[in-house]
Amino acid sequence: MELDKLVLEIRKKGYNDKEKLMKDLNLLIKEIHNGLKSEIAKAKKANKNVSDIEKELNRILDSLKRLREEKQYQTIRNIKFVMDKRGSEAIELLKKLKQ
């Protein structure tokens, strides 16, 4: 699934329990990691400087992983908000890489 479609789906979905939300969180982490890492590799082959983008990607992934670890302390609404925000940030990074 493409990252932008996944973020849009998360935005529209209503979650009743954290289990479904965690499945989508894991899918989001996987999609961001795989999609952006491959784009960064392509940019490096083209001799582009991507160190700032790599730092931002690591910040986003760390934030989502921390959210997954601390799920019991967070509300469903808060988790969904952070997922949406970090997903949108990842989409912006992807757009920067493709320029």
PDB file of N, CA and C in Angstrom:
ATOM      1  N   MET A   1       0.844  -1.176   0.000  1.00  0.00           N
ATOM      2  CA  MET A   1       0.000   0.000   0.000  1.00  0.00           C
ATOM      3  C   MET A   1       0.889   1.240   0.000  1.00  0.00           C
ATOM      4  N   GLU A   2       0.479   2.244  -0.717  1.00  0.00           N
ATOM      5  CA  GLU A   2       1.260   3.470  -0.754  1.00  0.00           C
ATOM      6  C   GLU A   2       1.083   4.246   0.542  1.00  0.00           C
ATOM      7  N   LEU A   3       2.102   4.996   0.878  1.00  0.00           N
ATOM      8  CA  LEU A   3       2.119   5.730   2.137  1.00  0.00           C
ATOM      9  C   LEU A   3       0.983   6.745   2.221  1.00  0.00           C
ATOM     10  N   ASP A   4       0.774   7.523   1.165  1.00  0.00           N
ATOM     11  CA  ASP A   4      -0.270   8.546   1.227  1.00  0.00           C
ATOM     12  C   ASP A   4      -1.665   7.931   1.348  1.00  0.00           C
ATOM     13  N   LYS A   5      -1.894   6.795   0.706  1.00  0.00           N
ATOM     14  CA  LYS A   5      -3.187   6.114   0.828  1.00  0.00           C
ATOM     15  C   LYS A   5      -3.377   5.569   2.237  1.00  0.00           C
ATOM     16  N   LEU A   6      -2.308   5.052   2.810  1.00  0.00           N
ATOM     17  CA  LEU A   6      -2.376   4.513   4.164  1.00  0.00           C
ATOM     18  C   LEU A   6      -2.681   5.614   5.178  1.00  0.00           C
ATOM     19  N   VAL A   7      -2.025   6.754   5.047  1.00  0.00           N
ATOM     20  CA  VAL A   7      -2.264   7.870   5.972  1.00  0.00           C
ATOM     21  C   VAL A   7      -3.700   8.363   5.832  1.00  0.00           C
ATOM     22  N   LEU A   8      -4.194   8.444   4.609  1.00  0.00           N
ATOM     23  CA  LEU A   8      -5.571   8.868   4.371  1.00  0.00           C
ATOM     24  C   LEU A   8      -6.557   7.875   4.983  1.00  0.00           C
ATOM     25  N   GLU A   9      -6.263   6.595   4.859  1.00  0.00           N
ATOM     26  CA  GLU A   9      -7.117   5.554   5.440  1.00  0.00           C
ATOM     27  C   GLU A   9      -7.130   5.649   6.964  1.00  0.00           C
ATOM     28  N   ILE A  10      -5.973   5.882   7.560  1.00  0.00           N
ATOM     29  CA  ILE A  10      -5.888   6.022   9.016  1.00  0.00           C
ATOM     30  C   ILE A  10      -6.688   7.233   9.473  1.00  0.00           C
ATOM     31  N   ARG A  11      -6.614   8.303   8.709  1.00  0.00           N
ATOM     32  CA  ARG A  11      -7.335   9.529   9.031  1.00  0.00           C
ATOM     33  C   ARG A  11      -8.846   9.300   9.049  1.00  0.00           C
ATOM     34  N   LYS A  12      -9.334   8.526   8.087  1.00  0.00           N
ATOM     35  CA  LYS A  12     -10.776   8.319   7.938  1.00  0.00           C
ATOM     36  C   LYS A  12     -11.339   7.250   8.869  1.00  0.00           C
ATOM     37  N   LYS A  13     -10.511   6.305   9.259  1.00  0.00           N
ATOM     38  CA  LYS A  13     -10.968   5.151  10.028  1.00  0.00           C
ATOM     39  C   LYS A  13     -11.333   5.535  11.452  1.00  0.00           C
ATOM     40  N   GLY A  14     -12.375   4.889  11.957  1.00  0.00           N
ATOM     41  CA  GLY A  14     -12.723   5.026  13.363  1.00  0.00           C
ATOM     42  C   GLY A  14     -12.264   3.779  14.102  1.00  0.00           C
ATOM     43  N   TYR A  15     -11.532   3.951  15.167  1.00  0.00           N
ATOM     44  CA  TYR A  15     -10.985   2.814  15.910  1.00  0.00           C
ATOM     45  C   TYR A  15     -11.728   2.656  17.227  1.00  0.00           C
ATOM     46  N   ASN A  16     -12.136   1.420  17.505  1.00  0.00           N
ATOM     47  CA  ASN A  16     -12.812   1.129  18.766  1.00  0.00           C
ATOM     48  C   ASN A  16     -11.881   0.509  19.791  1.00  0.00           C
ATOM     49  N   ASP A  17     -10.828  -0.129  19.310  1.00  0.00           N
ATOM     50  CA  ASP A  17      -9.885  -0.731  20.250  1.00  0.00           C
ATOM     51  C   ASP A  17      -8.451  -0.520  19.766  1.00  0.00           C
ATOM     52  N   LYS A  18      -7.551  -0.650  20.692  1.00  0.00           N
ATOM     53  CA  LYS A  18      -6.142  -0.379  20.385  1.00  0.00           C
ATOM     54  C   LYS A  18      -5.507  -1.470  19.535  1.00  0.00           C
ATOM     55  N   GLU A  19      -6.094  -2.658  19.530  1.00  0.00           N
ATOM     56  CA  GLU A  19      -5.505  -3.759  18.770  1.00  0.00           C
ATOM     57  C   GLU A  19      -5.502  -3.456  17.270  1.00  0.00           C
ATOM     58  N   LYS A  20      -6.624  -2.982  16.750  1.00  0.00           N
ATOM     59  CA  LYS A  20      -6.699  -2.619  15.328  1.00  0.00           C
ATOM     60  C   LYS A  20      -5.799  -1.427  15.034  1.00  0.00           C
ATOM     61  N   LEU A  21      -5.764  -0.515  15.964  1.00  0.00           N
ATOM     62  CA  LEU A  21      -4.921   0.670  15.814  1.00  0.00           C
ATOM     63  C   LEU A  21      -3.445   0.286  15.773  1.00  0.00           C
ATOM     64  N   MET A  22      -3.045  -0.666  16.600  1.00  0.00           N
ATOM     65  CA  MET A  22      -1.650  -1.112  16.622  1.00  0.00           C
ATOM     66  C   MET A  22      -1.266  -1.831  15.329  1.00  0.00           C
ATOM     67  N   LYS A  23      -2.208  -2.560  14.736  1.00  0.00           N
ATOM     68  CA  LYS A  23      -1.933  -3.204  13.445  1.00  0.00           C
ATOM     69  C   LYS A  23      -1.638  -2.146  12.390  1.00  0.00           C
ATOM     70  N   ASP A  24      -2.450  -1.084  12.385  1.00  0.00           N
ATOM     71  CA  ASP A  24      -2.223  -0.010  11.417  1.00  0.00           C
ATOM     72  C   ASP A  24      -0.951   0.769  11.735  1.00  0.00           C
ATOM     73  N   LEU A  25      -0.635   0.915  13.016  1.00  0.00           N
ATOM     74  CA  LEU A  25       0.608   1.585  13.399  1.00  0.00           C
ATOM     75  C   LEU A  25       1.810   0.790  12.899  1.00  0.00           C
ATOM     76  N   ASN A  26       1.777  -0.520  13.066  1.00  0.00           N
ATOM     77  CA  ASN A  26       2.873  -1.363  12.575  1.00  0.00           C
ATOM     78  C   ASN A  26       2.986  -1.289  11.060  1.00  0.00           C
ATOM     79  N   LEU A  27       1.850  -1.261  10.384  1.00  0.00           N
ATOM     80  CA  LEU A  27       1.846  -1.144   8.927  1.00  0.00           C
ATOM     81  C   LEU A  27       2.423   0.206   8.495  1.00  0.00           C
ATOM     82  N   LEU A  28       2.074   1.258   9.229  1.00  0.00           N
ATOM     83  CA  LEU A  28       2.592   2.597   8.925  1.00  0.00           C
ATOM     84  C   LEU A  28       4.107   2.648   9.113  1.00  0.00           C
ATOM     85  N   ILE A  29       4.595   2.097  10.207  1.00  0.00           N
ATOM     86  CA  ILE A  29       6.040   2.072  10.459  1.00  0.00           C
ATOM     87  C   ILE A  29       6.755   1.317   9.345  1.00  0.00           C
ATOM     88  N   LYS A  30       6.214   0.164   8.976  1.00  0.00           N
ATOM     89  CA  LYS A  30       6.816  -0.649   7.919  1.00  0.00           C
ATOM     90  C   LYS A  30       6.828   0.104   6.591  1.00  0.00           C
ATOM     91  N   GLU A  31       5.720   0.750   6.262  1.00  0.00           N
ATOM     92  CA  GLU A  31       5.605   1.469   4.989  1.00  0.00           C
ATOM     93  C   GLU A  31       6.566   2.658   4.943  1.00  0.00           C
ATOM     94  N   ILE A  32       6.661   3.404   6.032  1.00  0.00           N
ATOM     95  CA  ILE A  32       7.583   4.542   6.088  1.00  0.00           C
ATOM     96  C   ILE A  32       9.018   4.042   5.969  1.00  0.00           C
ATOM     97  N   HIS A  33       9.355   3.027   6.736  1.00  0.00           N
ATOM     98  CA  HIS A  33      10.722   2.503   6.733  1.00  0.00           C
ATOM     99  C   HIS A  33      11.122   2.008   5.350  1.00  0.00           C
ATOM    100  N   ASN A  34      10.314   1.151   4.770  1.00  0.00           N
ATOM    101  CA  ASN A  34      10.662   0.564   3.474  1.00  0.00           C
ATOM    102  C   ASN A  34      10.638   1.593   2.353  1.00  0.00           C
ATOM    103  N   GLY A  35       9.601   2.413   2.317  1.00  0.00           N
ATOM    104  CA  GLY A  35       9.458   3.384   1.234  1.00  0.00           C
ATOM    105  C   GLY A  35      10.527   4.458   1.246  1.00  0.00           C
ATOM    106  N   LEU A  36      10.752   5.046   2.395  1.00  0.00           N
ATOM    107  CA  LEU A  36      11.720   6.141   2.467  1.00  0.00           C
ATOM    108  C   LEU A  36      13.157   5.643   2.397  1.00  0.00           C
ATOM    109  N   LYS A  37      13.427   4.490   2.967  1.00  0.00           N
ATOM    110  CA  LYS A  37      14.800   3.962   2.889  1.00  0.00           C
ATOM    111  C   LYS A  37      15.188   3.681   1.443  1.00  0.00           C
ATOM    112  N   SER A  38      14.263   3.162   0.649  1.00  0.00           N
ATOM    113  CA  SER A  38      14.591   2.892  -0.756  1.00  0.00           C
ATOM    114  C   SER A  38      14.780   4.194  -1.531  1.00  0.00           C
ATOM    115  N   GLU A  39      13.980   5.211  -1.227  1.00  0.00           N
ATOM    116  CA  GLU A  39      14.135   6.509  -1.896  1.00  0.00           C
ATOM    117  C   GLU A  39      15.447   7.182  -1.491  1.00  0.00           C
ATOM    118  N   ILE A  40      15.838   7.027  -0.229  1.00  0.00           N
ATOM    119  CA  ILE A  40      17.113   7.584   0.233  1.00  0.00           C
ATOM    120  C   ILE A  40      18.265   6.890  -0.478  1.00  0.00           C
ATOM    121  N   ALA A  41      18.169   5.586  -0.645  1.00  0.00           N
ATOM    122  CA  ALA A  41      19.221   4.845  -1.358  1.00  0.00           C
ATOM    123  C   ALA A  41      19.337   5.323  -2.802  1.00  0.00           C
ATOM    124  N   LYS A  42      18.204   5.568  -3.447  1.00  0.00           N
ATOM    125  CA  LYS A  42      18.225   6.082  -4.825  1.00  0.00           C
ATOM    126  C   LYS A  42      18.861   7.469  -4.879  1.00  0.00           C
ATOM    127  N   ALA A  43      18.525   8.309  -3.899  1.00  0.00           N
ATOM    128  CA  ALA A  43      19.077   9.664  -3.868  1.00  0.00           C
ATOM    129  C   ALA A  43      20.582   9.634  -3.619  1.00  0.00           C
ATOM    130  N   LYS A  44      21.033   8.716  -2.785  1.00  0.00           N
ATOM    131  CA  LYS A  44      22.474   8.597  -2.531  1.00  0.00           C
ATOM    132  C   LYS A  44      23.211   8.157  -3.786  1.00  0.00           C
ATOM    133  N   LYS A  45      22.608   7.271  -4.561  1.00  0.00           N
ATOM    134  CA  LYS A  45      23.230   6.844  -5.812  1.00  0.00           C
ATOM    135  C   LYS A  45      23.344   8.002  -6.792  1.00  0.00           C
ATOM    136  N   ALA A  46      22.408   8.948  -6.683  1.00  0.00           N
ATOM    137  CA  ALA A  46      22.432  10.128  -7.549  1.00  0.00           C
ATOM    138  C   ALA A  46      23.300  11.234  -6.949  1.00  0.00           C
ATOM    139  N   ASN A  47      24.064  10.906  -5.907  1.00  0.00           N
ATOM    140  CA  ASN A  47      24.981  11.833  -5.231  1.00  0.00           C
ATOM    141  C   ASN A  47      24.283  13.055  -4.637  1.00  0.00           C
ATOM    142  N   LYS A  48      23.094  12.853  -4.094  1.00  0.00           N
ATOM    143  CA  LYS A  48      22.395  13.933  -3.397  1.00  0.00           C
ATOM    144  C   LYS A  48      22.736  13.851  -1.913  1.00  0.00           C
ATOM    145  N   ASN A  49      22.748  15.003  -1.262  1.00  0.00           N
ATOM    146  CA  ASN A  49      22.985  15.046   0.175  1.00  0.00           C
ATOM    147  C   ASN A  49      21.651  14.824   0.891  1.00  0.00           C
ATOM    148  N   VAL A  50      21.530  13.721   1.577  1.00  0.00           N
ATOM    149  CA  VAL A  50      20.270  13.370   2.224  1.00  0.00           C
ATOM    150  C   VAL A  50      20.417  13.185   3.736  1.00  0.00           C
ATOM    151  N   SER A  51      21.468  13.703   4.308  1.00  0.00           N
ATOM    152  CA  SER A  51      21.698  13.481   5.741  1.00  0.00           C
ATOM    153  C   SER A  51      20.599  14.112   6.598  1.00  0.00           C
ATOM    154  N   ASP A  52      20.117  15.304   6.219  1.00  0.00           N
ATOM    155  CA  ASP A  52      19.039  15.937   6.984  1.00  0.00           C
ATOM    156  C   ASP A  52      17.752  15.129   6.893  1.00  0.00           C
ATOM    157  N   ILE A  53      17.494  14.605   5.714  1.00  0.00           N
ATOM    158  CA  ILE A  53      16.284  13.806   5.516  1.00  0.00           C
ATOM    159  C   ILE A  53      16.382  12.502   6.303  1.00  0.00           C
ATOM    160  N   GLU A  54      17.569  11.904   6.349  1.00  0.00           N
ATOM    161  CA  GLU A  54      17.765  10.679   7.138  1.00  0.00           C
ATOM    162  C   GLU A  54      17.533  10.940   8.624  1.00  0.00           C
ATOM    163  N   LYS A  55      18.014  12.075   9.117  1.00  0.00           N
ATOM    164  CA  LYS A  55      17.803  12.420  10.527  1.00  0.00           C
ATOM    165  C   LYS A  55      16.321  12.592  10.821  1.00  0.00           C
ATOM    166  N   GLU A  56      15.617  13.269   9.916  1.00  0.00           N
ATOM    167  CA  GLU A  56      14.183  13.487  10.088  1.00  0.00           C
ATOM    168  C   GLU A  56      13.425  12.154  10.037  1.00  0.00           C
ATOM    169  N   LEU A  57      13.825  11.279   9.129  1.00  0.00           N
ATOM    170  CA  LEU A  57      13.206   9.951   9.030  1.00  0.00           C
ATOM    171  C   LEU A  57      13.406   9.175  10.328  1.00  0.00           C
ATOM    172  N   ASN A  58      14.599   9.197  10.864  1.00  0.00           N
ATOM    173  CA  ASN A  58      14.871   8.494  12.123  1.00  0.00           C
ATOM    174  C   ASN A  58      14.056   9.069  13.273  1.00  0.00           C
ATOM    175  N   ARG A  59      13.870  10.389  13.275  1.00  0.00           N
ATOM    176  CA  ARG A  59      13.057  11.032  14.310  1.00  0.00           C
ATOM    177  C   ARG A  59      11.601  10.558  14.219  1.00  0.00           C
ATOM    178  N   ILE A  60      11.078  10.501  12.997  1.00  0.00           N
ATOM    179  CA  ILE A  60       9.698  10.056  12.792  1.00  0.00           C
ATOM    180  C   ILE A  60       9.534   8.598  13.223  1.00  0.00           C
ATOM    181  N   LEU A  61      10.456   7.749  12.787  1.00  0.00           N
ATOM    182  CA  LEU A  61      10.368   6.328  13.141  1.00  0.00           C
ATOM    183  C   LEU A  61      10.515   6.110  14.644  1.00  0.00           C
ATOM    184  N   ASP A  62      11.424   6.838  15.278  1.00  0.00           N
ATOM    185  CA  ASP A  62      11.593   6.716  16.731  1.00  0.00           C
ATOM    186  C   ASP A  62      10.321   7.130  17.464  1.00  0.00           C
ATOM    187  N   SER A  63       9.696   8.204  16.984  1.00  0.00           N
ATOM    188  CA  SER A  63       8.463   8.677  17.595  1.00  0.00           C
ATOM    189  C   SER A  63       7.360   7.625  17.492  1.00  0.00           C
ATOM    190  N   LEU A  64       7.226   7.008  16.325  1.00  0.00           N
ATOM    191  CA  LEU A  64       6.195   5.982  16.141  1.00  0.00           C
ATOM    192  C   LEU A  64       6.496   4.727  16.948  1.00  0.00           C
ATOM    193  N   LYS A  65       7.756   4.345  17.022  1.00  0.00           N
ATOM    194  CA  LYS A  65       8.126   3.160  17.807  1.00  0.00           C
ATOM    195  C   LYS A  65       7.906   3.400  19.300  1.00  0.00           C
ATOM    196  N   ARG A  66       8.209   4.605  19.749  1.00  0.00           N
ATOM    197  CA  ARG A  66       7.981   4.958  21.149  1.00  0.00           C
ATOM    198  C   ARG A  66       6.480   4.944  21.456  1.00  0.00           C
ATOM    199  N   LEU A  67       5.690   5.416  20.498  1.00  0.00           N
ATOM    200  CA  LEU A  67       4.238   5.400  20.646  1.00  0.00           C
ATOM    201  C   LEU A  67       3.728   3.965  20.785  1.00  0.00           C
ATOM    202  N   ARG A  68       4.295   3.060  20.009  1.00  0.00           N
ATOM    203  CA  ARG A  68       3.905   1.647  20.065  1.00  0.00           C
ATOM    204  C   ARG A  68       4.254   1.051  21.429  1.00  0.00           C
ATOM    205  N   GLU A  69       5.411   1.416  21.964  1.00  0.00           N
ATOM    206  CA  GLU A  69       5.841   0.886  23.260  1.00  0.00           C
ATOM    207  C   GLU A  69       5.006   1.433  24.414  1.00  0.00           C
ATOM    208  N   GLU A  70       4.547   2.666  24.285  1.00  0.00           N
ATOM    209  CA  GLU A  70       3.818   3.321  25.373  1.00  0.00           C
ATOM    210  C   GLU A  70       2.315   3.343  25.130  1.00  0.00           C
ATOM    211  N   LYS A  71       1.809   2.407  24.341  1.00  0.00           N
ATOM    212  CA  LYS A  71       0.399   2.412  23.950  1.00  0.00           C
ATOM    213  C   LYS A  71      -0.557   2.344  25.132  1.00  0.00           C
ATOM    214  N   GLN A  72      -0.172   1.663  26.200  1.00  0.00           N
ATOM    215  CA  GLN A  72      -1.082   1.520  27.329  1.00  0.00           C
ATOM    216  C   GLN A  72      -1.318   2.843  28.056  1.00  0.00           C
ATOM    217  N   TYR A  73      -0.408   3.785  27.886  1.00  0.00           N
ATOM    218  CA  TYR A  73      -0.540   5.071  28.564  1.00  0.00           C
ATOM    219  C   TYR A  73      -1.232   6.122  27.698  1.00  0.00           C
ATOM    220  N   GLN A  74      -1.508   5.788  26.443  1.00  0.00           N
ATOM    221  CA  GLN A  74      -2.066   6.748  25.496  1.00  0.00           C
ATOM    222  C   GLN A  74      -3.520   6.416  25.182  1.00  0.00           C
ATOM    223  N   THR A  75      -4.282   7.445  24.834  1.00  0.00           N
ATOM    224  CA  THR A  75      -5.649   7.221  24.387  1.00  0.00           C
ATOM    225  C   THR A  75      -5.642   6.884  22.900  1.00  0.00           C
ATOM    226  N   ILE A  76      -6.709   6.269  22.439  1.00  0.00           N
ATOM    227  CA  ILE A  76      -6.826   5.936  21.019  1.00  0.00           C
ATOM    228  C   ILE A  76      -6.754   7.203  20.180  1.00  0.00           C
ATOM    229  N   ARG A  77      -7.415   8.237  20.636  1.00  0.00           N
ATOM    230  CA  ARG A  77      -7.430   9.510  19.901  1.00  0.00           C
ATOM    231  C   ARG A  77      -6.024  10.091  19.769  1.00  0.00           C
ATOM    232  N   ASN A  78      -5.258  10.046  20.844  1.00  0.00           N
ATOM    233  CA  ASN A  78      -3.896  10.576  20.830  1.00  0.00           C
ATOM    234  C   ASN A  78      -2.991   9.763  19.903  1.00  0.00           C
ATOM    235  N   ILE A  79      -3.109   8.446  19.960  1.00  0.00           N
ATOM    236  CA  ILE A  79      -2.291   7.586  19.097  1.00  0.00           C
ATOM    237  C   ILE A  79      -2.609   7.866  17.636  1.00  0.00           C
ATOM    238  N   LYS A  80      -3.896   7.970  17.323  1.00  0.00           N
ATOM    239  CA  LYS A  80      -4.314   8.236  15.945  1.00  0.00           C
ATOM    240  C   LYS A  80      -3.798   9.594  15.476  1.00  0.00           C
ATOM    241  N   PHE A  81      -3.837  10.599  16.347  1.00  0.00           N
ATOM    242  CA  PHE A  81      -3.350  11.934  15.999  1.00  0.00           C
ATOM    243  C   PHE A  81      -1.857  11.903  15.669  1.00  0.00           C
ATOM    244  N   VAL A  82      -1.080  11.233  16.495  1.00  0.00           N
ATOM    245  CA  VAL A  82       0.367  11.149  16.270  1.00  0.00           C
ATOM    246  C   VAL A  82       0.662  10.363  14.994  1.00  0.00           C
ATOM    247  N   MET A  83      -0.079   9.283  14.766  1.00  0.00           N
ATOM    248  CA  MET A  83       0.113   8.505  13.539  1.00  0.00           C
ATOM    249  C   MET A  83      -0.153   9.361  12.306  1.00  0.00           C
ATOM    250  N   ASP A  84      -1.216  10.137  12.351  1.00  0.00           N
ATOM    251  CA  ASP A  84      -1.566  11.007  11.226  1.00  0.00           C
ATOM    252  C   ASP A  84      -0.494  12.068  11.005  1.00  0.00           C
ATOM    253  N   LYS A  85      -0.051  12.673  12.091  1.00  0.00           N
ATOM    254  CA  LYS A  85       0.956  13.736  11.985  1.00  0.00           C
ATOM    255  C   LYS A  85       2.284  13.199  11.454  1.00  0.00           C
ATOM    256  N   ARG A  86       2.765  12.096  12.013  1.00  0.00           N
ATOM    257  CA  ARG A  86       4.044  11.529  11.565  1.00  0.00           C
ATOM    258  C   ARG A  86       3.934  10.976  10.143  1.00  0.00           C
ATOM    259  N   GLY A  87       2.783  10.430   9.798  1.00  0.00           N
ATOM    260  CA  GLY A  87       2.573   9.960   8.432  1.00  0.00           C
ATOM    261  C   GLY A  87       2.620  11.104   7.435  1.00  0.00           C
ATOM    262  N   SER A  88       2.004  12.224   7.795  1.00  0.00           N
ATOM    263  CA  SER A  88       2.031  13.406   6.925  1.00  0.00           C
ATOM    264  C   SER A  88       3.450  13.948   6.781  1.00  0.00           C
ATOM    265  N   GLU A  89       4.206  13.932   7.871  1.00  0.00           N
ATOM    266  CA  GLU A  89       5.601  14.374   7.807  1.00  0.00           C
ATOM    267  C   GLU A  89       6.415  13.458   6.897  1.00  0.00           C
ATOM    268  N   ALA A  90       6.152  12.168   6.957  1.00  0.00           N
ATOM    269  CA  ALA A  90       6.866  11.213   6.105  1.00  0.00           C
ATOM    270  C   ALA A  90       6.527  11.438   4.634  1.00  0.00           C
ATOM    271  N   ILE A  91       5.286  11.774   4.350  1.00  0.00           N
ATOM    272  CA  ILE A  91       4.885  12.070   2.967  1.00  0.00           C
ATOM    273  C   ILE A  91       5.637  13.290   2.456  1.00  0.00           C
ATOM    274  N   GLU A  92       5.775  14.307   3.298  1.00  0.00           N
ATOM    275  CA  GLU A  92       6.523  15.508   2.907  1.00  0.00           C
ATOM    276  C   GLU A  92       7.990  15.171   2.631  1.00  0.00           C
ATOM    277  N   LEU A  93       8.580  14.321   3.457  1.00  0.00           N
ATOM    278  CA  LEU A  93       9.967  13.895   3.224  1.00  0.00           C
ATOM    279  C   LEU A  93      10.094  13.155   1.899  1.00  0.00           C
ATOM    280  N   LEU A  94       9.119  12.326   1.606  1.00  0.00           N
ATOM    281  CA  LEU A  94       9.126  11.576   0.353  1.00  0.00           C
ATOM    282  C   LEU A  94       9.062  12.521  -0.842  1.00  0.00           C
ATOM    283  N   LYS A  95       8.250  13.566  -0.709  1.00  0.00           N
ATOM    284  CA  LYS A  95       8.160  14.563  -1.791  1.00  0.00           C
ATOM    285  C   LYS A  95       9.486  15.290  -1.977  1.00  0.00           C
ATOM    286  N   LYS A  96      10.157  15.612  -0.870  1.00  0.00           N
ATOM    287  CA  LYS A  96      11.468  16.271  -0.958  1.00  0.00           C
ATOM    288  C   LYS A  96      12.484  15.377  -1.660  1.00  0.00           C
ATOM    289  N   LEU A  97      12.440  14.095  -1.348  1.00  0.00           N
ATOM    290  CA  LEU A  97      13.386  13.153  -1.950  1.00  0.00           C
ATOM    291  C   LEU A  97      13.167  13.001  -3.448  1.00  0.00           C
ATOM    292  N   LYS A  98      11.936  13.065  -3.871  1.00  0.00           N
ATOM    293  CA  LYS A  98      11.627  12.852  -5.287  1.00  0.00           C
ATOM    294  C   LYS A  98      11.882  14.083  -6.142  1.00  0.00           C
ATOM    295  N   GLN A  99      12.150  15.210  -5.523  1.00  0.00           N
ATOM    296  CA  GLN A  99      12.423  16.443  -6.287  1.00  0.00           C
ATOM    297  C   GLN A  99      13.770  16.388  -6.941  1.00  0.00           C
TER     298      GLN A  99
END
